[in-house]
Amino acid sequence: MPEEIASRRSRITPEREAELHEAVLDLLREVGYEALTMDAVAARTKSSKATLYRQWGSKPELVARALRCTKPASLREIDTGTLRGDFHRMVELSDNAQMAKDTALLRGLAHAVHASPELHQALRRLLMEPEISGLDEILRRAVERGEIAPDCPAIRFVPHMLIGAFIALPLMEDRSVDQAFLAAFMDSVVFPALGV
């Protein structure tokens, strides 16, 4: 399946793909997932609906790929030599304006995920799993360097802590996560839980 998608998507230039993804995200912000249609995306991007289906296969796939394109870097690429350095590099690579946009989008998608198993699957495969895999790699290296005890029970909950921060802050304080909050959260919650 991934090879099939890659071969379908090879006809669009990276610039055009970025333009299509941005249009999808703009529409999501404007109308939400449920009201987003491939017809609306086609009209906004001056594309044919057939092209969109040929390149992305489905609305959930297109939405998940559009969200994925907002990620500044793969977590697997971060390796400063220390866990603190890696986590602080993650924060530095974050963009406050983009995080605010992403928080609003993800909050809007939370309901849609419950109503659409296809969207849930696409978001897990294209957004969550690569991020969790990269985070696991960062934590594995920290264990190998002796920064974290191999039997530290908090290791498996790091993704939960980080996702929880993105969900809880807007809910509790009506503001988006930003670099300052993430840095403080890492120093006050994540590192102590890991014994660092």
C-alpha atoms as a PDB file:
ATOM      1  CA  MET A   1       0.000   0.000   0.000  1.00  0.00           C
ATOM      2  CA  PRO A   2       2.702   2.622   0.841  1.00  0.00           C
ATOM      3  CA  GLU A   3       4.430   1.873  -2.501  1.00  0.00           C
ATOM      4  CA  GLU A   4       1.106   2.282  -4.296  1.00  0.00           C
ATOM      5  CA  ILE A   5       0.527   5.657  -2.614  1.00  0.00           C
ATOM      6  CA  ALA A   6       4.081   6.759  -3.378  1.00  0.00           C
ATOM      7  CA  SER A   7       3.683   5.908  -7.055  1.00  0.00           C
ATOM      8  CA  ARG A   8       0.327   7.708  -7.189  1.00  0.00           C
ATOM      9  CA  ARG A   9       1.754  10.813  -5.538  1.00  0.00           C
ATOM     10  CA  SER A  10       4.880  11.047  -7.704  1.00  0.00           C
ATOM     11  CA  ARG A  11       3.126  13.104 -10.398  1.00  0.00           C
ATOM     12  CA  ILE A  12       2.691  16.184  -8.219  1.00  0.00           C
ATOM     13  CA  THR A  13       5.626  18.505  -7.574  1.00  0.00           C
ATOM     14  CA  PRO A  14       6.577  19.117  -3.937  1.00  0.00           C
ATOM     15  CA  GLU A  15       5.527  22.758  -4.317  1.00  0.00           C
ATOM     16  CA  ARG A  16       2.101  21.811  -5.648  1.00  0.00           C
ATOM     17  CA  GLU A  17       1.701  19.190  -2.934  1.00  0.00           C
ATOM     18  CA  ALA A  18       2.493  21.793  -0.252  1.00  0.00           C
ATOM     19  CA  GLU A  19      -0.043  24.154  -1.839  1.00  0.00           C
ATOM     20  CA  LEU A  20      -2.717  21.438  -1.782  1.00  0.00           C
ATOM     21  CA  HIS A  21      -1.935  20.529   1.821  1.00  0.00           C
ATOM     22  CA  GLU A  22      -2.156  24.154   2.933  1.00  0.00           C
ATOM     23  CA  ALA A  23      -5.521  24.514   1.192  1.00  0.00           C
ATOM     24  CA  VAL A  24      -6.799  21.406   2.991  1.00  0.00           C
ATOM     25  CA  LEU A  25      -5.672  22.787   6.353  1.00  0.00           C
ATOM     26  CA  ASP A  26      -7.252  26.176   5.614  1.00  0.00           C
ATOM     27  CA  LEU A  27     -10.539  24.470   4.756  1.00  0.00           C
ATOM     28  CA  LEU A  28     -10.346  22.349   7.912  1.00  0.00           C
ATOM     29  CA  ARG A  29      -9.953  25.507   9.997  1.00  0.00           C
ATOM     30  CA  GLU A  30     -12.854  27.155   8.193  1.00  0.00           C
ATOM     31  CA  VAL A  31     -15.451  24.370   8.055  1.00  0.00           C
ATOM     32  CA  GLY A  32     -14.202  21.435  10.140  1.00  0.00           C
ATOM     33  CA  TYR A  33     -13.609  17.852   9.084  1.00  0.00           C
ATOM     34  CA  GLU A  34     -17.224  16.783   8.705  1.00  0.00           C
ATOM     35  CA  ALA A  35     -18.052  19.636   6.284  1.00  0.00           C
ATOM     36  CA  LEU A  36     -14.784  19.335   4.349  1.00  0.00           C
ATOM     37  CA  THR A  37     -15.405  17.764   0.950  1.00  0.00           C
ATOM     38  CA  MET A  38     -13.133  16.697  -1.861  1.00  0.00           C
ATOM     39  CA  ASP A  39     -15.243  18.970  -4.089  1.00  0.00           C
ATOM     40  CA  ALA A  40     -14.334  21.958  -1.892  1.00  0.00           C
ATOM     41  CA  VAL A  41     -10.632  21.020  -1.930  1.00  0.00           C
ATOM     42  CA  ALA A  42     -10.750  20.619  -5.720  1.00  0.00           C
ATOM     43  CA  ALA A  43     -12.414  24.017  -6.126  1.00  0.00           C
ATOM     44  CA  ARG A  44     -10.005  25.750  -3.715  1.00  0.00           C
ATOM     45  CA  THR A  45      -6.929  24.257  -5.381  1.00  0.00           C
ATOM     46  CA  LYS A  46      -8.193  24.369  -8.974  1.00  0.00           C
ATOM     47  CA  SER A  47      -7.731  20.605  -9.201  1.00  0.00           C
ATOM     48  CA  SER A  48     -10.023  17.866 -10.314  1.00  0.00           C
ATOM     49  CA  LYS A  49     -11.624  15.645  -7.706  1.00  0.00           C
ATOM     50  CA  ALA A  50     -10.316  12.655  -9.682  1.00  0.00           C
ATOM     51  CA  THR A  51      -6.764  13.956  -9.277  1.00  0.00           C
ATOM     52  CA  LEU A  52      -7.211  14.264  -5.520  1.00  0.00           C
ATOM     53  CA  TYR A  53      -8.548  10.717  -5.232  1.00  0.00           C
ATOM     54  CA  ARG A  54      -5.829   9.384  -7.542  1.00  0.00           C
ATOM     55  CA  GLN A  55      -3.078  11.063  -5.514  1.00  0.00           C
ATOM     56  CA  TRP A  56      -4.388  10.548  -1.963  1.00  0.00           C
ATOM     57  CA  GLY A  57      -7.074   7.893  -2.209  1.00  0.00           C
ATOM     58  CA  SER A  58      -9.453   9.310   0.377  1.00  0.00           C
ATOM     59  CA  LYS A  59     -10.374  12.351   2.431  1.00  0.00           C
ATOM     60  CA  PRO A  60      -8.889  10.886   5.663  1.00  0.00           C
ATOM     61  CA  GLU A  61      -5.586  10.164   3.891  1.00  0.00           C
ATOM     62  CA  LEU A  62      -5.448  13.672   2.404  1.00  0.00           C
ATOM     63  CA  VAL A  63      -6.191  15.301   5.771  1.00  0.00           C
ATOM     64  CA  ALA A  64      -3.616  13.176   7.632  1.00  0.00           C
ATOM     65  CA  ARG A  65      -0.931  13.877   5.018  1.00  0.00           C
ATOM     66  CA  ALA A  66      -1.717  17.591   5.105  1.00  0.00           C
ATOM     67  CA  LEU A  67      -1.262  17.595   8.887  1.00  0.00           C
ATOM     68  CA  ARG A  68       1.952  15.593   8.574  1.00  0.00           C
ATOM     69  CA  CYS A  69       3.453  18.206   6.268  1.00  0.00           C
ATOM     70  CA  THR A  70       3.317  20.784   9.091  1.00  0.00           C
ATOM     71  CA  LYS A  71       5.884  18.847  11.114  1.00  0.00           C
ATOM     72  CA  PRO A  72       9.230  20.706  10.971  1.00  0.00           C
ATOM     73  CA  ALA A  73      11.447  17.626  11.253  1.00  0.00           C
ATOM     74  CA  SER A  74      11.375  13.969  12.050  1.00  0.00           C
ATOM     75  CA  LEU A  75      12.180  13.217  15.678  1.00  0.00           C
ATOM     76  CA  ARG A  76      14.477  10.449  14.402  1.00  0.00           C
ATOM     77  CA  GLU A  77      16.742  13.148  12.958  1.00  0.00           C
ATOM     78  CA  ILE A  78      17.331  14.748  16.372  1.00  0.00           C
ATOM     79  CA  ASP A  79      20.469  13.495  18.106  1.00  0.00           C
ATOM     80  CA  THR A  80      22.373  16.070  20.166  1.00  0.00           C
ATOM     81  CA  GLY A  81      24.107  13.488  22.340  1.00  0.00           C
ATOM     82  CA  THR A  82      21.977  14.033  25.456  1.00  0.00           C
ATOM     83  CA  LEU A  83      18.331  13.518  26.336  1.00  0.00           C
ATOM     84  CA  ARG A  84      17.970  17.106  27.567  1.00  0.00           C
ATOM     85  CA  GLY A  85      19.588  18.361  24.381  1.00  0.00           C
ATOM     86  CA  ASP A  86      17.311  16.223  22.211  1.00  0.00           C
ATOM     87  CA  PHE A  87      14.150  17.346  23.997  1.00  0.00           C
ATOM     88  CA  HIS A  88      15.183  20.982  23.978  1.00  0.00           C
ATOM     89  CA  ARG A  89      15.983  20.660  20.253  1.00  0.00           C
ATOM     90  CA  MET A  90      12.452  19.312  19.753  1.00  0.00           C
ATOM     91  CA  VAL A  91      11.119  22.438  21.432  1.00  0.00           C
ATOM     92  CA  GLU A  92      13.403  24.746  19.400  1.00  0.00           C
ATOM     93  CA  LEU A  93      12.150  23.187  16.159  1.00  0.00           C
ATOM     94  CA  SER A  94       8.571  23.920  17.168  1.00  0.00           C
ATOM     95  CA  ASP A  95       6.968  27.058  15.824  1.00  0.00           C
ATOM     96  CA  ASN A  96       4.579  28.854  18.185  1.00  0.00           C
ATOM     97  CA  ALA A  97       2.247  30.014  15.426  1.00  0.00           C
ATOM     98  CA  GLN A  98       2.146  26.560  13.831  1.00  0.00           C
ATOM     99  CA  MET A  99       1.530  24.888  17.208  1.00  0.00           C
ATOM    100  CA  ALA A 100      -1.418  27.214  17.802  1.00  0.00           C
ATOM    101  CA  LYS A 101      -2.851  26.314  14.394  1.00  0.00           C
ATOM    102  CA  ASP A 102      -2.205  22.599  14.951  1.00  0.00           C
ATOM    103  CA  THR A 103      -3.782  22.667  18.411  1.00  0.00           C
ATOM    104  CA  ALA A 104      -6.942  24.213  17.002  1.00  0.00           C
ATOM    105  CA  LEU A 105      -7.043  21.700  14.152  1.00  0.00           C
ATOM    106  CA  LEU A 106      -6.456  18.692  16.391  1.00  0.00           C
ATOM    107  CA  ARG A 107      -9.095  19.887  18.832  1.00  0.00           C
ATOM    108  CA  GLY A 108     -11.510  20.082  15.905  1.00  0.00           C
ATOM    109  CA  LEU A 109     -10.498  16.640  14.668  1.00  0.00           C
ATOM    110  CA  ALA A 110     -10.979  15.001  18.078  1.00  0.00           C
ATOM    111  CA  HIS A 111     -14.708  14.554  17.496  1.00  0.00           C
ATOM    112  CA  ALA A 112     -14.238  13.512  13.871  1.00  0.00           C
ATOM    113  CA  VAL A 113     -11.832  10.746  14.910  1.00  0.00           C
ATOM    114  CA  HIS A 114     -14.593   9.114  16.957  1.00  0.00           C
ATOM    115  CA  ALA A 115     -17.012   9.250  14.039  1.00  0.00           C
ATOM    116  CA  SER A 116     -14.534   8.152  11.351  1.00  0.00           C
ATOM    117  CA  PRO A 117     -12.430   5.027  11.922  1.00  0.00           C
ATOM    118  CA  GLU A 118     -10.695   5.734   8.586  1.00  0.00           C
ATOM    119  CA  LEU A 119      -9.564   9.155   9.801  1.00  0.00           C
ATOM    120  CA  HIS A 120      -8.444   7.685  13.113  1.00  0.00           C
ATOM    121  CA  GLN A 121      -6.386   5.040  11.308  1.00  0.00           C
ATOM    122  CA  ALA A 122      -4.825   7.571   8.907  1.00  0.00           C
ATOM    123  CA  LEU A 123      -3.890   9.962  11.734  1.00  0.00           C
ATOM    124  CA  ARG A 124      -2.370   7.136  13.779  1.00  0.00           C
ATOM    125  CA  ARG A 125      -0.371   5.826  10.818  1.00  0.00           C
ATOM    126  CA  LEU A 126       0.829   9.145   9.410  1.00  0.00           C
ATOM    127  CA  LEU A 127       1.059  11.378  12.491  1.00  0.00           C
ATOM    128  CA  MET A 128       1.193   9.436  15.727  1.00  0.00           C
ATOM    129  CA  GLU A 129       3.237   6.363  14.856  1.00  0.00           C
ATOM    130  CA  PRO A 130       6.175   8.241  13.244  1.00  0.00           C
ATOM    131  CA  GLU A 131       6.304  10.661  16.179  1.00  0.00           C
ATOM    132  CA  ILE A 132       6.127   7.886  18.774  1.00  0.00           C
ATOM    133  CA  SER A 133       8.744   5.875  16.896  1.00  0.00           C
ATOM    134  CA  GLY A 134      11.088   8.880  16.823  1.00  0.00           C
ATOM    135  CA  LEU A 135      10.475   9.552  20.500  1.00  0.00           C
ATOM    136  CA  ASP A 136      11.168   5.895  21.304  1.00  0.00           C
ATOM    137  CA  GLU A 137      14.488   6.207  19.461  1.00  0.00           C
ATOM    138  CA  ILE A 138      15.470   9.292  21.480  1.00  0.00           C
ATOM    139  CA  LEU A 139      14.582   7.502  24.725  1.00  0.00           C
ATOM    140  CA  ARG A 140      16.392   4.302  23.664  1.00  0.00           C
ATOM    141  CA  ARG A 141      19.588   6.265  23.067  1.00  0.00           C
ATOM    142  CA  ALA A 142      19.215   7.932  26.480  1.00  0.00           C
ATOM    143  CA  VAL A 143      18.948   4.504  28.121  1.00  0.00           C
ATOM    144  CA  GLU A 144      22.026   3.301  26.212  1.00  0.00           C
ATOM    145  CA  ARG A 145      23.986   6.371  27.383  1.00  0.00           C
ATOM    146  CA  GLY A 146      22.927   5.691  30.977  1.00  0.00           C
ATOM    147  CA  GLU A 147      20.842   8.846  31.320  1.00  0.00           C
ATOM    148  CA  ILE A 148      17.668   6.890  32.069  1.00  0.00           C
ATOM    149  CA  ALA A 149      17.461   3.646  34.030  1.00  0.00           C
ATOM    150  CA  PRO A 150      16.415   0.809  31.707  1.00  0.00           C
ATOM    151  CA  ASP A 151      13.631  -0.177  34.110  1.00  0.00           C
ATOM    152  CA  CYS A 152      12.282   3.372  34.535  1.00  0.00           C
ATOM    153  CA  PRO A 153       8.480   2.923  34.509  1.00  0.00           C
ATOM    154  CA  ALA A 154       7.884   6.439  33.136  1.00  0.00           C
ATOM    155  CA  ILE A 155       9.557   5.698  29.763  1.00  0.00           C
ATOM    156  CA  ARG A 156       6.450   4.146  28.269  1.00  0.00           C
ATOM    157  CA  PHE A 157       4.319   7.114  29.357  1.00  0.00           C
ATOM    158  CA  VAL A 158       6.382   9.907  27.757  1.00  0.00           C
ATOM    159  CA  PRO A 159       4.156  10.071  24.639  1.00  0.00           C
ATOM    160  CA  HIS A 160       1.107  10.198  26.892  1.00  0.00           C
ATOM    161  CA  MET A 161       2.617  13.037  28.921  1.00  0.00           C
ATOM    162  CA  LEU A 162       3.412  15.091  25.829  1.00  0.00           C
ATOM    163  CA  ILE A 163       0.066  14.514  24.129  1.00  0.00           C
ATOM    164  CA  GLY A 164      -1.652  15.244  27.431  1.00  0.00           C
ATOM    165  CA  ALA A 165       0.101  18.613  27.617  1.00  0.00           C
ATOM    166  CA  PHE A 166      -1.189  19.563  24.169  1.00  0.00           C
ATOM    167  CA  ILE A 167      -4.725  18.608  25.141  1.00  0.00           C
ATOM    168  CA  ALA A 168      -4.809  19.870  28.724  1.00  0.00           C
ATOM    169  CA  LEU A 169      -3.373  23.366  28.341  1.00  0.00           C
ATOM    170  CA  PRO A 170      -6.014  24.664  25.891  1.00  0.00           C
ATOM    171  CA  LEU A 171      -8.742  22.972  27.924  1.00  0.00           C
ATOM    172  CA  MET A 172      -7.590  24.252  31.309  1.00  0.00           C
ATOM    173  CA  GLU A 173      -6.110  27.650  30.461  1.00  0.00           C
ATOM    174  CA  ASP A 174      -7.700  28.458  27.094  1.00  0.00           C
ATOM    175  CA  ARG A 175      -4.348  28.976  25.380  1.00  0.00           C
ATOM    176  CA  SER A 176      -2.202  27.040  22.940  1.00  0.00           C
ATOM    177  CA  VAL A 177       0.993  25.242  23.756  1.00  0.00           C
ATOM    178  CA  ASP A 178       4.095  27.270  22.925  1.00  0.00           C
ATOM    179  CA  GLN A 179       7.847  26.834  23.235  1.00  0.00           C
ATOM    180  CA  ALA A 180       8.012  28.357  26.720  1.00  0.00           C
ATOM    181  CA  PHE A 181       5.297  26.058  28.057  1.00  0.00           C
ATOM    182  CA  LEU A 182       6.869  22.984  26.437  1.00  0.00           C
ATOM    183  CA  ALA A 183      10.322  23.777  27.848  1.00  0.00           C
ATOM    184  CA  ALA A 184       8.879  24.282  31.343  1.00  0.00           C
ATOM    185  CA  PHE A 185       6.787  21.107  31.013  1.00  0.00           C
ATOM    186  CA  MET A 186       9.856  19.082  30.014  1.00  0.00           C
ATOM    187  CA  ASP A 187      11.929  20.466  32.903  1.00  0.00           C
ATOM    188  CA  SER A 188       9.177  20.189  35.526  1.00  0.00           C
ATOM    189  CA  VAL A 189       7.352  17.005  34.520  1.00  0.00           C
ATOM    190  CA  VAL A 190       9.053  14.848  31.902  1.00  0.00           C
ATOM    191  CA  PHE A 191      12.669  14.932  33.107  1.00  0.00           C
ATOM    192  CA  PRO A 192      11.803  14.356  36.798  1.00  0.00           C
ATOM    193  CA  ALA A 193       9.536  11.453  35.826  1.00  0.00           C
ATOM    194  CA  LEU A 194      12.439   9.915  33.912  1.00  0.00           C
ATOM    195  CA  GLY A 195      14.876  10.529  36.766  1.00  0.00           C
ATOM    196  CA  VAL A 196      16.967  12.932  34.703  1.00  0.00           C
END
